[in-house]
Amino acid sequence: MIRCSKNGKYKAVYSDFDGYITKAQTVEFLVPGMEGYVCGLTVFMEIVIQYLVVLGVPAEKIHYDFLGAAMALQIKKTA
């Protein structure tokens, strides 16, 4: 799930039915000044957080919760 806290917009993506989330789907949630919230499995979160960083969301405005065991995420802080 990704959520934009600026306007409360969110989307749940289920890989079993919808396939994996794409950068194009992530763009739909971008609004100026947004804070992103990502919840899911580690690989999903790494991908989505990297999309957000590449698309210009500051790393300090991206928040996340693990769905499952907490692990260290492998993400770049800048594009």
C-alpha atoms as a PDB file:
ATOM      1  CA  MET A   1       0.000   0.000   0.000  1.00  0.00           C
ATOM      2  CA  ILE A   2       1.180   3.514  -0.726  1.00  0.00           C
ATOM      3  CA  ARG A   3      -0.484   6.560   0.747  1.00  0.00           C
ATOM      4  CA  CYS A   4      -0.061  10.280   0.232  1.00  0.00           C
ATOM      5  CA  SER A   5      -0.772  12.176   3.456  1.00  0.00           C
ATOM      6  CA  LYS A   6      -1.262  15.553   1.724  1.00  0.00           C
ATOM      7  CA  ASN A   7      -4.711  14.584   0.451  1.00  0.00           C
ATOM      8  CA  GLY A   8      -5.271  11.196   2.078  1.00  0.00           C
ATOM      9  CA  LYS A   9      -5.190   9.392  -1.281  1.00  0.00           C
ATOM     10  CA  TYR A  10      -4.061   5.803  -1.119  1.00  0.00           C
ATOM     11  CA  LYS A  11      -3.923   2.662  -3.216  1.00  0.00           C
ATOM     12  CA  ALA A  12      -3.613  -0.952  -2.247  1.00  0.00           C
ATOM     13  CA  VAL A  13      -1.841  -3.096  -4.834  1.00  0.00           C
ATOM     14  CA  TYR A  14      -2.070  -6.870  -4.563  1.00  0.00           C
ATOM     15  CA  SER A  15       0.571  -8.639  -6.631  1.00  0.00           C
ATOM     16  CA  ASP A  16      -1.542 -11.807  -6.852  1.00  0.00           C
ATOM     17  CA  PHE A  17      -4.240  -9.899  -8.761  1.00  0.00           C
ATOM     18  CA  ASP A  18      -2.731  -6.631 -10.000  1.00  0.00           C
ATOM     19  CA  GLY A  19       0.875  -7.584 -10.674  1.00  0.00           C
ATOM     20  CA  TYR A  20       3.747  -5.575  -9.266  1.00  0.00           C
ATOM     21  CA  ILE A  21       3.464  -1.833  -8.778  1.00  0.00           C
ATOM     22  CA  THR A  22       5.093   0.284 -11.452  1.00  0.00           C
ATOM     23  CA  LYS A  23       6.686   3.701 -11.456  1.00  0.00           C
ATOM     24  CA  ALA A  24       3.748   4.939 -13.572  1.00  0.00           C
ATOM     25  CA  GLN A  25       1.286   3.834 -10.861  1.00  0.00           C
ATOM     26  CA  THR A  26       3.398   5.587  -8.243  1.00  0.00           C
ATOM     27  CA  VAL A  27       3.296   8.868 -10.201  1.00  0.00           C
ATOM     28  CA  GLU A  28      -0.502   8.931  -9.758  1.00  0.00           C
ATOM     29  CA  PHE A  29       0.038   9.661  -6.058  1.00  0.00           C
ATOM     30  CA  LEU A  30       2.498  12.521  -6.325  1.00  0.00           C
ATOM     31  CA  VAL A  31       1.316  15.928  -5.152  1.00  0.00           C
ATOM     32  CA  PRO A  32       3.485  18.901  -4.142  1.00  0.00           C
ATOM     33  CA  GLY A  33       4.495  18.811  -0.483  1.00  0.00           C
ATOM     34  CA  MET A  34       3.347  15.238   0.018  1.00  0.00           C
ATOM     35  CA  GLU A  35       4.551  12.814   2.638  1.00  0.00           C
ATOM     36  CA  GLY A  36       4.582   9.197   1.529  1.00  0.00           C
ATOM     37  CA  TYR A  37       3.701   6.186   3.659  1.00  0.00           C
ATOM     38  CA  VAL A  38       4.615   2.715   2.394  1.00  0.00           C
ATOM     39  CA  CYS A  39       3.577  -0.520   4.052  1.00  0.00           C
ATOM     40  CA  GLY A  40       4.397  -3.987   2.794  1.00  0.00           C
ATOM     41  CA  LEU A  41       7.012  -6.640   2.411  1.00  0.00           C
ATOM     42  CA  THR A  42      10.649  -5.566   2.251  1.00  0.00           C
ATOM     43  CA  VAL A  43      11.191  -5.939  -1.514  1.00  0.00           C
ATOM     44  CA  PHE A  44       7.959  -4.050  -2.274  1.00  0.00           C
ATOM     45  CA  MET A  45       8.938  -1.203   0.041  1.00  0.00           C
ATOM     46  CA  GLU A  46      12.452  -0.935  -1.414  1.00  0.00           C
ATOM     47  CA  ILE A  47      11.022  -0.632  -4.922  1.00  0.00           C
ATOM     48  CA  VAL A  48       8.292   1.886  -4.070  1.00  0.00           C
ATOM     49  CA  ILE A  49      10.541   4.016  -1.856  1.00  0.00           C
ATOM     50  CA  GLN A  50      13.136   4.130  -4.627  1.00  0.00           C
ATOM     51  CA  TYR A  51      10.440   5.237  -7.101  1.00  0.00           C
ATOM     52  CA  LEU A  52       9.412   8.028  -4.705  1.00  0.00           C
ATOM     53  CA  VAL A  53      13.029   9.192  -4.275  1.00  0.00           C
ATOM     54  CA  VAL A  54      13.685   9.140  -8.035  1.00  0.00           C
ATOM     55  CA  LEU A  55      10.433  11.056  -8.598  1.00  0.00           C
ATOM     56  CA  GLY A  56      11.603  13.816  -6.246  1.00  0.00           C
ATOM     57  CA  VAL A  57      10.017  13.060  -2.867  1.00  0.00           C
ATOM     58  CA  PRO A  58      12.579  13.958  -0.156  1.00  0.00           C
ATOM     59  CA  ALA A  59      13.717  10.897   1.811  1.00  0.00           C
ATOM     60  CA  GLU A  60      12.745  12.551   5.104  1.00  0.00           C
ATOM     61  CA  LYS A  61       9.127  12.732   3.879  1.00  0.00           C
ATOM     62  CA  ILE A  62       8.918   8.994   3.166  1.00  0.00           C
ATOM     63  CA  HIS A  63       7.708   6.835   6.041  1.00  0.00           C
ATOM     64  CA  TYR A  64       7.251   3.084   6.133  1.00  0.00           C
ATOM     65  CA  ASP A  65       6.065   0.136   8.205  1.00  0.00           C
ATOM     66  CA  PHE A  66       7.035  -3.467   7.700  1.00  0.00           C
ATOM     67  CA  LEU A  67       4.443  -6.116   6.947  1.00  0.00           C
ATOM     68  CA  GLY A  68       6.297  -8.990   8.542  1.00  0.00           C
ATOM     69  CA  ALA A  69       9.714  -9.045  10.176  1.00  0.00           C
ATOM     70  CA  ALA A  70      11.515  -5.694  10.284  1.00  0.00           C
ATOM     71  CA  MET A  71      14.701  -5.609   8.240  1.00  0.00           C
ATOM     72  CA  ALA A  72      17.153  -3.010   6.968  1.00  0.00           C
ATOM     73  CA  LEU A  73      15.965  -1.524   3.682  1.00  0.00           C
ATOM     74  CA  GLN A  74      18.441  -1.189   0.822  1.00  0.00           C
ATOM     75  CA  ILE A  75      17.481   2.185  -0.679  1.00  0.00           C
ATOM     76  CA  LYS A  76      19.357   5.185  -2.019  1.00  0.00           C
ATOM     77  CA  LYS A  77      18.530   8.479  -0.292  1.00  0.00           C
ATOM     78  CA  THR A  78      18.907  10.512  -3.500  1.00  0.00           C
ATOM     79  CA  ALA A  79      18.013  10.002  -7.142  1.00  0.00           C
END
